[in-house]
N, C-alpha and C. Protein backbone atom coordinates (compact mmCIF):
# COMPACT_ATOMS: atom_id res chain seq x y z
N MET A 1 -25.08 -103.65 -26.55
CA MET A 1 -24.76 -102.62 -27.96
C MET A 1 -26.15 -101.23 -27.01
N SER A 2 -25.51 -100.24 -27.04
CA SER A 2 -26.38 -99.31 -27.26
C SER A 2 -26.85 -99.21 -28.33
N HIS A 3 -27.96 -98.10 -28.49
CA HIS A 3 -29.09 -97.65 -29.26
C HIS A 3 -28.63 -97.04 -29.76
N THR A 4 -28.19 -95.97 -28.91
CA THR A 4 -27.19 -94.59 -29.01
C THR A 4 -26.15 -94.42 -29.23
N SER A 5 -25.47 -92.82 -29.08
CA SER A 5 -23.59 -92.88 -29.48
C SER A 5 -23.79 -91.49 -29.58
N ASP A 6 -22.67 -91.26 -28.86
CA ASP A 6 -22.36 -89.60 -28.67
C ASP A 6 -21.98 -88.90 -30.20
N ILE A 7 -22.69 -89.62 -31.26
CA ILE A 7 -22.15 -89.12 -32.80
C ILE A 7 -24.00 -88.06 -32.20
N SER A 8 -24.28 -87.25 -32.98
CA SER A 8 -25.24 -86.78 -33.21
C SER A 8 -26.28 -86.44 -34.43
N ALA A 9 -26.66 -87.21 -34.51
CA ALA A 9 -28.02 -88.06 -35.85
C ALA A 9 -27.69 -86.45 -36.86
N LEU A 10 -27.41 -85.32 -36.82
CA LEU A 10 -27.23 -84.87 -37.76
C LEU A 10 -25.65 -85.30 -38.77
N ALA A 11 -24.89 -85.75 -37.58
CA ALA A 11 -23.70 -85.51 -38.05
C ALA A 11 -23.71 -86.98 -39.19
N VAL A 12 -24.29 -88.42 -38.40
CA VAL A 12 -24.85 -89.45 -39.39
C VAL A 12 -24.89 -89.30 -40.17
N ALA A 13 -26.40 -87.88 -40.56
CA ALA A 13 -26.78 -87.48 -41.39
C ALA A 13 -26.16 -87.48 -42.76
N GLU A 14 -25.24 -86.29 -42.43
CA GLU A 14 -24.15 -85.46 -42.94
C GLU A 14 -23.28 -86.12 -43.84
N GLU A 15 -22.64 -87.26 -42.93
CA GLU A 15 -21.52 -88.07 -42.98
C GLU A 15 -22.33 -89.57 -44.00
N ILE A 16 -23.68 -89.81 -44.19
CA ILE A 16 -23.81 -90.69 -45.05
C ILE A 16 -24.01 -90.06 -46.39
N LEU A 17 -24.38 -88.55 -46.35
CA LEU A 17 -25.43 -88.49 -47.17
C LEU A 17 -23.91 -88.27 -48.05
N ASN A 18 -23.11 -87.70 -47.52
CA ASN A 18 -21.40 -87.33 -47.83
C ASN A 18 -21.05 -88.53 -49.31
N ARG A 19 -21.34 -89.74 -47.93
CA ARG A 19 -20.76 -90.91 -48.65
C ARG A 19 -21.64 -91.57 -49.72
N ASP A 20 -23.04 -91.06 -50.09
CA ASP A 20 -23.75 -91.23 -51.22
C ASP A 20 -23.89 -90.36 -52.07
N ASN A 21 -23.49 -90.90 -52.98
CA ASN A 21 -23.25 -90.63 -54.73
C ASN A 21 -24.43 -90.76 -55.64
N PHE A 22 -25.33 -91.92 -54.68
CA PHE A 22 -26.38 -91.64 -55.54
C PHE A 22 -28.00 -90.40 -55.05
N SER A 23 -27.62 -90.43 -54.04
CA SER A 23 -28.50 -89.37 -53.09
C SER A 23 -27.88 -87.46 -53.92
N ARG A 24 -26.64 -87.96 -54.02
CA ARG A 24 -26.26 -86.77 -54.37
C ARG A 24 -26.77 -86.09 -55.91
N TRP A 25 -26.59 -87.74 -57.01
CA TRP A 25 -26.61 -87.42 -58.06
C TRP A 25 -28.40 -86.85 -57.66
N LEU A 26 -29.05 -87.21 -57.28
CA LEU A 26 -31.07 -87.39 -56.94
C LEU A 26 -30.93 -85.30 -56.67
N GLY A 27 -29.87 -84.98 -56.61
CA GLY A 27 -29.48 -83.62 -55.71
C GLY A 27 -31.00 -83.39 -54.12
N ILE A 28 -30.27 -84.68 -53.66
CA ILE A 28 -30.97 -84.59 -51.99
C ILE A 28 -30.63 -83.66 -51.42
N LYS A 29 -31.68 -82.89 -50.91
CA LYS A 29 -31.21 -81.93 -49.72
C LYS A 29 -31.31 -82.25 -48.37
N LEU A 30 -30.85 -81.99 -47.24
CA LEU A 30 -31.34 -82.06 -45.99
C LEU A 30 -32.14 -81.09 -44.96
N LEU A 31 -33.08 -81.44 -44.82
CA LEU A 31 -33.76 -80.44 -43.93
C LEU A 31 -34.28 -80.46 -42.65
N GLU A 32 -34.77 -81.35 -42.36
CA GLU A 32 -34.76 -81.88 -40.43
C GLU A 32 -34.53 -83.34 -40.67
N ILE A 33 -33.69 -83.40 -39.39
CA ILE A 33 -32.64 -84.93 -38.86
C ILE A 33 -33.40 -84.85 -37.45
N GLY A 34 -33.44 -85.87 -36.80
CA GLY A 34 -33.41 -86.31 -35.18
C GLY A 34 -33.85 -87.99 -34.85
N GLU A 35 -33.76 -88.44 -33.79
CA GLU A 35 -33.57 -90.05 -33.85
C GLU A 35 -34.85 -90.81 -34.40
N GLY A 36 -34.72 -91.14 -35.13
CA GLY A 36 -35.73 -91.69 -35.74
C GLY A 36 -36.64 -90.28 -36.82
N TYR A 37 -35.62 -90.23 -37.32
CA TYR A 37 -36.99 -88.71 -38.17
C TYR A 37 -36.14 -88.68 -39.19
N SER A 38 -36.28 -88.11 -40.53
CA SER A 38 -36.19 -87.35 -41.10
C SER A 38 -36.83 -86.49 -42.35
N LYS A 39 -36.53 -85.35 -43.18
CA LYS A 39 -37.13 -84.50 -43.64
C LYS A 39 -35.69 -84.34 -44.84
N ILE A 40 -36.51 -84.40 -46.11
CA ILE A 40 -35.27 -84.01 -47.29
C ILE A 40 -36.40 -83.62 -48.43
N GLU A 41 -35.41 -83.19 -49.20
CA GLU A 41 -36.39 -82.68 -50.32
C GLU A 41 -35.62 -82.34 -51.53
N MET A 42 -36.12 -82.92 -52.82
CA MET A 42 -35.41 -82.65 -54.02
C MET A 42 -36.24 -81.88 -54.87
N GLU A 43 -36.06 -82.03 -56.23
CA GLU A 43 -35.94 -81.25 -57.52
C GLU A 43 -35.57 -82.16 -59.39
N ILE A 44 -36.71 -82.65 -59.11
CA ILE A 44 -37.70 -83.04 -60.13
C ILE A 44 -37.09 -82.31 -61.49
N ARG A 45 -36.02 -83.34 -61.78
CA ARG A 45 -35.28 -82.97 -63.21
C ARG A 45 -35.91 -83.61 -65.24
N ASP A 46 -35.36 -83.10 -65.91
CA ASP A 46 -35.76 -83.80 -67.06
C ASP A 46 -35.62 -85.25 -67.33
N GLU A 47 -34.19 -85.61 -66.69
CA GLU A 47 -33.41 -87.27 -67.16
C GLU A 47 -34.46 -88.27 -65.95
N MET A 48 -35.71 -87.67 -64.95
CA MET A 48 -35.84 -88.28 -63.67
C MET A 48 -37.70 -88.42 -64.47
N ILE A 49 -37.93 -88.11 -65.75
CA ILE A 49 -39.21 -88.29 -66.59
C ILE A 49 -39.23 -89.51 -67.27
N ASN A 50 -40.39 -90.08 -67.06
CA ASN A 50 -40.70 -91.80 -67.82
C ASN A 50 -41.30 -91.53 -69.07
N GLY A 51 -41.31 -92.28 -70.05
CA GLY A 51 -41.68 -92.46 -71.55
C GLY A 51 -43.62 -92.11 -71.17
N LEU A 52 -44.20 -91.72 -70.10
CA LEU A 52 -45.57 -91.30 -69.83
C LEU A 52 -46.00 -89.74 -69.34
N GLY A 53 -44.02 -89.66 -69.42
CA GLY A 53 -44.16 -87.92 -69.25
C GLY A 53 -44.55 -87.79 -67.39
N ILE A 54 -44.24 -88.63 -66.99
CA ILE A 54 -44.35 -88.25 -64.91
C ILE A 54 -43.37 -88.87 -64.40
N VAL A 55 -42.77 -88.48 -63.53
CA VAL A 55 -41.62 -89.13 -62.55
C VAL A 55 -41.59 -90.39 -62.60
N HIS A 56 -40.37 -90.93 -63.04
CA HIS A 56 -40.34 -92.37 -63.05
C HIS A 56 -40.39 -92.88 -61.29
N GLY A 57 -40.86 -94.12 -61.33
CA GLY A 57 -41.39 -94.46 -59.81
C GLY A 57 -40.51 -94.77 -58.94
N GLY A 58 -38.97 -95.36 -59.88
CA GLY A 58 -37.90 -95.76 -59.18
C GLY A 58 -37.17 -94.06 -58.47
N VAL A 59 -37.27 -93.08 -59.32
CA VAL A 59 -37.14 -91.70 -58.41
C VAL A 59 -37.78 -91.60 -56.82
N SER A 60 -39.11 -91.37 -56.80
CA SER A 60 -39.76 -91.42 -55.72
C SER A 60 -39.26 -92.03 -54.98
N PHE A 61 -39.02 -93.61 -55.29
CA PHE A 61 -38.73 -94.67 -54.27
C PHE A 61 -37.48 -94.29 -53.97
N ALA A 62 -36.27 -93.71 -54.53
CA ALA A 62 -35.46 -94.02 -54.39
C ALA A 62 -35.44 -92.66 -52.99
N LEU A 63 -36.29 -91.69 -53.39
CA LEU A 63 -36.04 -90.47 -52.19
C LEU A 63 -37.05 -91.13 -50.78
N ALA A 64 -37.34 -91.60 -50.77
CA ALA A 64 -38.16 -91.66 -50.12
C ALA A 64 -37.15 -93.70 -48.88
N ASP A 65 -36.47 -93.44 -49.85
CA ASP A 65 -35.95 -94.36 -50.13
C ASP A 65 -34.48 -93.96 -48.76
N SER A 66 -34.05 -92.82 -48.94
CA SER A 66 -33.05 -92.16 -48.91
C SER A 66 -33.58 -91.29 -47.43
N ALA A 67 -34.50 -91.23 -47.00
CA ALA A 67 -35.24 -90.76 -46.14
C ALA A 67 -35.23 -91.94 -44.48
N PHE A 68 -35.97 -92.96 -45.63
CA PHE A 68 -35.71 -93.70 -44.27
C PHE A 68 -34.75 -94.34 -43.89
N ALA A 69 -33.22 -94.50 -44.90
CA ALA A 69 -31.89 -94.66 -43.98
C ALA A 69 -31.92 -93.59 -42.92
N LEU A 70 -31.85 -92.23 -43.15
CA LEU A 70 -31.28 -91.61 -42.73
C LEU A 70 -32.08 -91.50 -40.76
N ALA A 71 -33.49 -91.62 -41.23
CA ALA A 71 -34.06 -92.00 -39.76
C ALA A 71 -33.72 -93.33 -39.26
N CYS A 72 -33.39 -94.65 -39.71
CA CYS A 72 -33.05 -95.78 -39.57
C CYS A 72 -31.99 -95.44 -38.81
N ASN A 73 -31.11 -94.90 -39.36
CA ASN A 73 -29.09 -95.02 -38.99
C ASN A 73 -29.05 -93.71 -37.90
N SER A 74 -29.83 -92.58 -38.40
CA SER A 74 -29.51 -91.44 -36.81
C SER A 74 -29.54 -91.37 -35.65
N ARG A 75 -29.11 -92.87 -34.62
CA ARG A 75 -28.58 -92.79 -33.64
C ARG A 75 -27.16 -93.73 -33.86
N ASN A 76 -26.92 -93.79 -34.97
CA ASN A 76 -25.30 -94.48 -35.73
C ASN A 76 -25.11 -95.73 -34.80
N ASN A 77 -26.51 -96.21 -35.49
CA ASN A 77 -26.87 -98.57 -35.10
C ASN A 77 -27.00 -98.88 -36.44
N LEU A 78 -25.90 -99.44 -37.67
CA LEU A 78 -26.24 -99.82 -39.02
C LEU A 78 -27.35 -100.59 -39.18
N SER A 79 -28.06 -100.03 -40.05
CA SER A 79 -29.29 -100.26 -40.06
C SER A 79 -29.55 -100.09 -41.93
N VAL A 80 -30.43 -101.65 -42.34
CA VAL A 80 -30.67 -101.58 -43.54
C VAL A 80 -31.55 -102.09 -44.08
N ALA A 81 -32.41 -102.01 -45.30
CA ALA A 81 -32.91 -102.00 -45.56
C ALA A 81 -33.48 -103.77 -45.37
N TRP A 82 -34.77 -104.26 -44.80
CA TRP A 82 -34.96 -105.47 -44.58
C TRP A 82 -36.01 -105.86 -46.19
N ASP A 83 -37.89 -105.01 -45.84
CA ASP A 83 -38.58 -104.81 -46.40
C ASP A 83 -39.32 -103.61 -46.38
N THR A 84 -39.27 -103.23 -48.58
CA THR A 84 -39.97 -101.81 -48.27
C THR A 84 -41.28 -102.46 -49.04
N SER A 85 -42.15 -101.18 -48.94
CA SER A 85 -42.91 -100.67 -49.98
C SER A 85 -43.69 -99.50 -49.90
N ILE A 86 -43.85 -99.24 -51.53
CA ILE A 86 -44.07 -97.72 -51.63
C ILE A 86 -45.93 -98.00 -52.59
N THR A 87 -46.74 -97.15 -52.21
CA THR A 87 -47.87 -96.88 -52.58
C THR A 87 -48.12 -95.36 -53.50
N PHE A 88 -48.11 -95.45 -54.63
CA PHE A 88 -47.84 -93.84 -55.46
C PHE A 88 -49.59 -93.27 -55.25
N THR A 89 -49.52 -92.13 -54.88
CA THR A 89 -51.07 -91.70 -54.95
C THR A 89 -51.51 -90.49 -56.01
N ARG A 90 -50.43 -90.00 -56.69
CA ARG A 90 -50.59 -89.53 -56.92
C ARG A 90 -49.15 -89.12 -58.58
N ALA A 91 -49.48 -88.22 -59.28
CA ALA A 91 -48.50 -88.49 -60.17
C ALA A 91 -47.89 -86.78 -60.64
N SER A 92 -46.29 -87.09 -60.26
CA SER A 92 -45.09 -85.94 -60.29
C SER A 92 -44.21 -86.06 -61.36
N LYS A 93 -44.61 -84.46 -61.81
CA LYS A 93 -43.94 -84.32 -62.85
C LYS A 93 -42.81 -82.80 -63.13
N LEU A 94 -42.18 -82.61 -63.69
CA LEU A 94 -41.08 -82.11 -63.82
C LEU A 94 -41.27 -80.77 -63.32
N TRP A 95 -40.10 -80.09 -62.67
CA TRP A 95 -40.08 -79.44 -61.99
C TRP A 95 -40.48 -79.51 -60.80
N ASP A 96 -41.23 -80.55 -60.40
CA ASP A 96 -41.38 -80.60 -58.79
C ASP A 96 -40.83 -80.86 -57.92
N VAL A 97 -40.85 -80.21 -56.37
CA VAL A 97 -40.25 -80.66 -55.90
C VAL A 97 -40.71 -81.53 -54.54
N LEU A 98 -40.33 -82.66 -53.93
CA LEU A 98 -40.48 -83.56 -53.91
C LEU A 98 -39.91 -83.50 -51.90
N THR A 99 -40.59 -83.71 -51.16
CA THR A 99 -40.76 -83.21 -49.82
C THR A 99 -40.81 -84.94 -49.18
N ALA A 100 -40.05 -85.81 -48.90
CA ALA A 100 -40.00 -87.19 -47.95
C ALA A 100 -40.20 -87.35 -46.24
N GLU A 101 -40.77 -87.11 -45.80
CA GLU A 101 -40.12 -86.86 -44.35
C GLU A 101 -40.60 -88.76 -43.28
N ALA A 102 -39.80 -89.03 -42.65
CA ALA A 102 -39.47 -90.10 -42.73
C ALA A 102 -39.70 -90.05 -40.79
N ASN A 103 -40.81 -91.02 -40.44
CA ASN A 103 -41.36 -91.44 -38.94
C ASN A 103 -40.88 -92.77 -38.86
N GLU A 104 -40.51 -92.44 -37.32
CA GLU A 104 -40.68 -93.93 -37.07
C GLU A 104 -41.54 -94.47 -36.50
N VAL A 105 -41.62 -96.23 -36.48
CA VAL A 105 -42.68 -96.32 -35.65
C VAL A 105 -42.38 -97.16 -34.92
N HIS A 106 -41.99 -97.76 -35.50
CA HIS A 106 -41.15 -98.72 -34.04
C HIS A 106 -39.39 -98.61 -33.65
N ASN A 107 -39.15 -98.70 -33.22
CA ASN A 107 -37.53 -98.45 -32.55
C ASN A 107 -37.16 -99.72 -31.68
N GLY A 108 -36.86 -101.12 -32.42
CA GLY A 108 -36.87 -102.28 -32.02
C GLY A 108 -34.96 -102.82 -31.89
N LYS A 109 -34.44 -103.56 -30.93
CA LYS A 109 -33.27 -103.36 -30.75
C LYS A 109 -32.94 -104.31 -31.95
N SER A 110 -33.33 -105.28 -32.83
CA SER A 110 -32.26 -105.45 -34.18
C SER A 110 -33.70 -105.23 -35.35
N THR A 111 -34.56 -104.71 -35.36
CA THR A 111 -35.21 -103.67 -36.35
C THR A 111 -36.34 -102.91 -36.45
N GLY A 112 -36.69 -102.38 -37.41
CA GLY A 112 -37.14 -100.69 -36.87
C GLY A 112 -38.79 -100.57 -37.76
N LEU A 113 -39.34 -99.78 -37.57
CA LEU A 113 -40.11 -99.91 -38.63
C LEU A 113 -40.48 -98.17 -39.17
N TYR A 114 -40.52 -97.82 -40.44
CA TYR A 114 -41.11 -96.53 -40.21
C TYR A 114 -41.76 -96.26 -41.82
N THR A 115 -42.35 -95.25 -41.53
CA THR A 115 -42.92 -94.80 -42.41
C THR A 115 -42.77 -92.89 -43.30
N VAL A 116 -42.63 -93.42 -44.86
CA VAL A 116 -42.31 -91.89 -45.40
C VAL A 116 -43.06 -91.98 -46.27
N THR A 117 -43.64 -90.26 -46.10
CA THR A 117 -44.96 -89.28 -46.28
C THR A 117 -44.76 -88.70 -47.53
N ILE A 118 -44.66 -88.59 -48.98
CA ILE A 118 -44.31 -88.14 -49.92
C ILE A 118 -44.54 -86.66 -50.55
N THR A 119 -44.35 -85.80 -50.24
CA THR A 119 -45.49 -84.69 -50.53
C THR A 119 -45.46 -83.76 -51.60
N ASN A 120 -46.04 -82.84 -52.93
CA ASN A 120 -45.11 -82.31 -53.18
C ASN A 120 -45.05 -80.36 -53.50
N GLN A 121 -44.71 -79.55 -53.84
CA GLN A 121 -44.61 -78.00 -53.05
C GLN A 121 -45.83 -77.82 -53.13
N ARG A 122 -47.14 -78.60 -53.57
CA ARG A 122 -48.23 -77.74 -52.62
C ARG A 122 -48.93 -79.21 -51.88
N ASN A 123 -47.94 -79.40 -50.80
CA ASN A 123 -48.27 -80.21 -49.94
C ASN A 123 -49.15 -81.44 -50.43
N GLU A 124 -49.40 -81.53 -51.20
CA GLU A 124 -50.28 -82.75 -52.22
C GLU A 124 -49.40 -83.94 -51.90
N GLN A 125 -50.02 -85.37 -50.85
CA GLN A 125 -49.40 -86.34 -50.65
C GLN A 125 -49.05 -87.13 -52.43
N VAL A 126 -47.83 -87.43 -52.76
CA VAL A 126 -47.49 -88.35 -53.81
C VAL A 126 -47.40 -89.97 -53.91
N ALA A 127 -46.53 -89.74 -52.64
CA ALA A 127 -46.21 -91.43 -52.45
C ALA A 127 -46.50 -91.86 -50.46
N LEU A 128 -46.89 -93.27 -50.25
CA LEU A 128 -46.71 -93.24 -49.24
C LEU A 128 -45.61 -94.69 -48.85
N PHE A 129 -44.44 -94.59 -48.46
CA PHE A 129 -43.49 -95.66 -48.06
C PHE A 129 -43.15 -95.73 -46.95
N LYS A 130 -43.75 -97.83 -46.57
CA LYS A 130 -43.63 -98.08 -45.59
C LYS A 130 -42.26 -99.13 -45.67
N GLY A 131 -41.38 -98.91 -44.70
CA GLY A 131 -40.17 -99.52 -44.13
C GLY A 131 -39.62 -100.02 -43.36
N THR A 132 -38.48 -101.55 -43.06
CA THR A 132 -38.78 -102.16 -42.40
C THR A 132 -37.22 -102.25 -42.31
N CYS A 133 -36.17 -102.54 -41.40
CA CYS A 133 -35.02 -102.01 -41.10
C CYS A 133 -34.19 -103.70 -40.35
N PHE A 134 -32.94 -103.59 -40.81
CA PHE A 134 -32.52 -104.71 -39.64
C PHE A 134 -31.54 -104.46 -39.15
N ARG A 135 -30.83 -104.08 -37.63
CA ARG A 135 -30.68 -103.39 -37.42
C ARG A 135 -29.18 -104.15 -37.03
N MET A 136 -27.39 -103.96 -37.44
CA MET A 136 -26.41 -105.17 -37.24
C MET A 136 -25.98 -104.16 -35.86
N THR A 137 -24.71 -104.36 -35.42
CA THR A 137 -24.08 -105.12 -34.40
C THR A 137 -22.98 -103.27 -34.40
N LYS A 138 -23.53 -102.61 -35.33
CA LYS A 138 -21.64 -101.83 -35.23
C LYS A 138 -22.53 -100.28 -36.00
N ARG A 139 -21.45 -99.71 -35.68
CA ARG A 139 -22.16 -97.94 -36.23
C ARG A 139 -22.01 -98.15 -37.38
N ALA A 140 -23.09 -96.66 -37.62
CA ALA A 140 -23.31 -96.42 -39.15
C ALA A 140 -21.98 -95.48 -39.71
N ILE A 141 -21.52 -95.13 -38.58
CA ILE A 141 -20.41 -94.34 -39.27
C ILE A 141 -19.03 -94.46 -37.74
């Protein structure tokens, strides 16, 4: 099976986001998409703040995971997370606008490797995510 299809990366991303209630709850907006690449953003709301007054790490992780998913599935080959990690480099606060940019490092037949950089509205890096996906033998949409 080919890794590419006649469905564009944009069509795949729009359909995935349309089906993704959690990403919609986060308020994720698609900025850019291409084969092996995605760029999304969201604004931090009050319910995303933890007991220390900063963004809950799970929110930043979820943003990175969504960017990762869009980049992995951009060729319409169903890909799921196999291994992920995140390093938080700067705290995010209420009303920050976070941008997650996913870049493909390796596109293999059965796996893919991606990095996702999260920055705030001041273009300061707040987290770095690394993810490996496993590619299934069917289409994403």
